[in-house]
């Protein structure tokens, strides 16, 4: 029911996505906890290098989209506990990790436009997924997570305003 990939690389992430489909049990929710990484003019994320596990690799938005691409078009919710994962390039019109995933066909992508606090990441997971597991609509779950972040803003800072959701649901 739960697959945890520690110290994940792009290739391990893509393989896990492919394997979930081959087993007839495609992932329904993907939660990525990683550091954001500024790459020239766009924010990506720091993942582990496939060859040297102790070395971090700067994964661009397109790299992350490619790694998750086996699941594109499936009813998958992606949450990115990654600083600046929803921030677009500031010099060039490049897209954010969140935008690229949503544009690739993931119907729900949650991410932060700014640096994300550790307590904020925890609050998002607890309230967003708690609401979903209680049967709430994804939009209501996003609202509940944002309210919880606001109520705990002494610990979570600006996370309540930084959290964005890219949502495209069927009629």
Protein backbone atom coordinates (compact mmCIF):
# COMPACT_ATOMS: atom_id res chain seq x y z
CA UNK A 1 0.00 0.00 0.00
CA UNK A 2 2.92 2.33 0.63
CA UNK A 3 6.16 2.52 -1.29
CA UNK A 4 8.99 4.55 0.24
CA UNK A 5 12.01 5.44 -1.86
CA UNK A 6 14.78 6.85 0.29
CA UNK A 7 17.66 8.76 -1.28
CA UNK A 8 15.84 8.51 -4.58
CA UNK A 9 17.33 9.20 -7.99
CA UNK A 10 15.44 10.10 -11.14
CA UNK A 11 15.96 6.61 -12.54
CA UNK A 12 14.70 4.88 -9.37
CA UNK A 13 11.66 7.16 -9.36
CA UNK A 14 10.86 6.39 -12.99
CA UNK A 15 11.39 2.65 -12.45
CA UNK A 16 9.06 2.66 -9.43
CA UNK A 17 6.37 4.44 -11.46
CA UNK A 18 6.74 1.98 -14.34
CA UNK A 19 6.71 -1.04 -12.01
CA UNK A 20 3.52 0.15 -10.30
CA UNK A 21 1.77 0.20 -13.68
CA UNK A 22 3.21 -3.18 -14.75
CA UNK A 23 1.91 -4.74 -11.51
CA UNK A 24 -1.55 -3.35 -12.26
CA UNK A 25 -1.43 -1.12 -9.21
CA UNK A 26 -0.41 2.34 -10.44
CA UNK A 27 0.40 4.84 -7.73
CA UNK A 28 -2.55 7.04 -6.85
CA UNK A 29 -0.61 9.52 -4.71
CA UNK A 30 3.01 10.64 -4.95
CA UNK A 31 4.60 12.69 -2.21
CA UNK A 32 8.11 14.01 -2.81
CA UNK A 33 10.14 15.43 0.06
CA UNK A 34 13.32 17.03 -1.27
CA UNK A 35 15.29 20.24 -1.27
CA UNK A 36 14.56 22.84 -3.91
CA UNK A 37 17.49 23.72 -6.13
CA UNK A 38 18.03 26.92 -8.11
CA UNK A 39 19.35 26.06 -11.58
CA UNK A 40 20.39 29.11 -13.59
CA UNK A 41 16.91 30.59 -14.12
CA UNK A 42 14.51 27.92 -12.83
CA UNK A 43 13.97 25.96 -9.65
CA UNK A 44 14.37 22.22 -9.76
CA UNK A 45 14.96 19.76 -6.95
CA UNK A 46 17.92 18.00 -5.43
CA UNK A 47 17.74 14.23 -5.90
CA UNK A 48 20.41 11.59 -5.50
CA UNK A 49 22.80 10.78 -8.30
CA UNK A 50 22.22 7.28 -9.72
CA UNK A 51 25.91 6.38 -9.75
CA UNK A 52 27.10 8.14 -6.60
CA UNK A 53 24.32 7.80 -4.00
CA UNK A 54 25.93 10.31 -1.61
CA UNK A 55 26.01 12.96 -4.33
CA UNK A 56 23.02 15.17 -5.02
CA UNK A 57 21.87 15.80 -8.57
CA UNK A 58 20.03 18.94 -9.68
CA UNK A 59 16.89 17.66 -11.37
CA UNK A 60 15.20 20.18 -13.66
CA UNK A 61 11.41 20.46 -13.95
CA UNK A 62 11.64 18.53 -17.23
CA UNK A 63 13.74 15.80 -15.56
CA UNK A 64 11.11 15.35 -12.84
CA UNK A 65 8.32 15.33 -15.43
CA UNK A 66 10.16 12.63 -17.37
CA UNK A 67 10.69 10.52 -14.23
CA UNK A 68 6.99 10.60 -13.35
CA UNK A 69 5.82 10.36 -16.98
CA UNK A 70 4.80 6.68 -16.82
CA UNK A 71 1.92 7.81 -14.58
CA UNK A 72 0.90 10.88 -16.60
CA UNK A 73 -2.78 10.79 -17.40
CA UNK A 74 -3.56 8.49 -14.46
CA UNK A 75 -5.66 9.88 -11.59
CA UNK A 76 -2.58 10.69 -9.53
CA UNK A 77 -2.24 13.37 -6.87
CA UNK A 78 1.29 14.75 -6.57
CA UNK A 79 2.37 16.72 -3.53
CA UNK A 80 5.77 18.38 -3.62
CA UNK A 81 7.27 19.22 -0.24
CA UNK A 82 10.04 21.01 -2.07
CA UNK A 83 11.05 24.65 -1.65
CA UNK A 84 10.09 26.75 -4.68
CA UNK A 85 8.63 23.79 -6.62
CA UNK A 86 5.81 26.03 -7.89
CA UNK A 87 8.02 28.99 -8.67
CA UNK A 88 8.63 29.74 -12.35
CA UNK A 89 11.92 30.98 -13.71
CA UNK A 90 12.63 34.61 -12.92
CA UNK A 91 14.78 35.41 -15.95
CA UNK A 92 13.40 33.14 -18.65
CA UNK A 93 9.83 31.99 -19.16
CA UNK A 94 10.61 28.44 -18.00
CA UNK A 95 8.02 26.51 -16.07
CA UNK A 96 8.05 25.24 -12.50
CA UNK A 97 8.17 21.58 -11.48
CA UNK A 98 4.51 21.80 -10.42
CA UNK A 99 3.44 23.39 -13.71
CA UNK A 100 5.32 20.84 -15.81
CA UNK A 101 3.71 17.93 -13.94
CA UNK A 102 0.23 19.40 -14.23
CA UNK A 103 0.76 20.20 -17.91
CA UNK A 104 1.90 16.58 -18.45
CA UNK A 105 -1.48 15.30 -17.30
CA UNK A 106 -1.34 14.98 -13.53
CA UNK A 107 -4.76 16.28 -12.45
CA UNK A 108 -3.74 17.50 -8.98
CA UNK A 109 -0.34 18.92 -8.06
CA UNK A 110 0.34 20.73 -4.78
CA UNK A 111 3.53 22.70 -4.28
CA UNK A 112 5.05 25.75 -2.64
CA UNK A 113 5.92 28.94 -4.52
CA UNK A 114 8.45 29.96 -1.86
CA UNK A 115 10.76 28.23 0.61
CA UNK A 116 8.74 25.72 2.64
CA UNK A 117 9.22 25.15 6.36
CA UNK A 118 9.58 21.65 7.81
CA UNK A 119 6.58 22.20 10.12
CA UNK A 120 4.60 23.51 7.13
CA UNK A 121 5.38 20.39 5.12
CA UNK A 122 4.09 18.25 7.98
CA UNK A 123 0.91 20.32 8.37
CA UNK A 124 0.19 20.04 4.64
CA UNK A 125 0.53 16.25 4.66
CA UNK A 126 -1.53 15.80 7.83
CA UNK A 127 -4.40 18.05 6.80
CA UNK A 128 -4.49 17.56 3.03
CA UNK A 129 -4.22 13.78 3.08
CA UNK A 130 -6.31 13.54 6.24
CA UNK A 131 -9.14 15.35 4.48
CA UNK A 132 -8.77 13.23 1.34
CA UNK A 133 -8.83 10.00 3.35
CA UNK A 134 -11.97 11.28 5.09
CA UNK A 135 -13.63 11.50 1.67
CA UNK A 136 -13.40 15.25 1.08
CA UNK A 137 -13.13 16.76 -2.39
CA UNK A 138 -9.53 17.62 -3.30
CA UNK A 139 -10.38 21.34 -3.40
CA UNK A 140 -11.83 21.20 0.12
CA UNK A 141 -8.76 19.26 1.28
CA UNK A 142 -6.48 21.96 -0.17
CA UNK A 143 -8.54 24.63 1.60
CA UNK A 144 -8.34 22.71 4.88
CA UNK A 145 -4.54 22.43 4.57
CA UNK A 146 -4.22 26.14 3.86
CA UNK A 147 -6.41 27.05 6.87
CA UNK A 148 -4.33 24.78 9.11
CA UNK A 149 -1.13 26.43 7.83
CA UNK A 150 -2.59 29.86 8.58
CA UNK A 151 -3.65 28.84 12.09
CA UNK A 152 -0.12 27.59 12.74
CA UNK A 153 1.64 30.50 11.03
CA UNK A 154 3.72 31.13 14.15
CA UNK A 155 5.49 27.84 13.25
CA UNK A 156 4.88 27.71 9.50
CA UNK A 157 5.51 31.33 8.53
CA UNK A 158 4.30 32.24 5.06
CA UNK A 159 3.58 28.65 3.99
CA UNK A 160 -0.19 29.28 4.01
CA UNK A 161 0.12 31.83 1.23
CA UNK A 162 2.87 29.95 -0.62
CA UNK A 163 0.91 26.72 -1.07
CA UNK A 164 -0.65 26.42 -4.53
CA UNK A 165 -2.73 23.74 -6.14
CA UNK A 166 -2.89 22.99 -9.83
CA UNK A 167 -6.22 21.17 -10.15
CA UNK A 168 -8.03 19.92 -13.24
CA UNK A 169 -10.92 17.60 -12.50
CA UNK A 170 -13.41 15.98 -14.85
CA UNK A 171 -16.86 17.58 -15.11
